[in-house]
Amino acid sequence: MAYHVYILVFPNAKLYVGSTEDLARRLSEHRAGSACRTTALYGPPKLLYSEPHPDRSSALKRERQIKGWSRAKKVALSQGNVVELKRLAQTKRKPVEGHNN
């Protein structure tokens, strides 16, 4: 069975990134509010994006990668906007003046 990395969106527009071996079961748990603290707090989510992976290791690696991305990059991925993904990948975060980053 393939593993899946997925992005959920909550009624308050918060995004959640996760991975699972059984996407249908996990979505059911999220919608019931029993999957994790986030779903219990923010209400029933909708599936925004998912991608299959051949094994748990590659799914977890991809989940960690996506979790490190900005909201804009996650949204671009979910929309299949390759041009925007590339643009965001090239954008360097500029330090804010007066802060030691």
Foldseek 3Di string as FASTA:
>chain_A
DWKKWFWWAFPVRDIDIDIGPDVVVLLVCLQVLNNDVVSVPGHRIDTQDMDTDRDPVVNVVVSVVVVPDDPQLVNCVSVVPPVSNVVRVPDDDDDDPPDDD
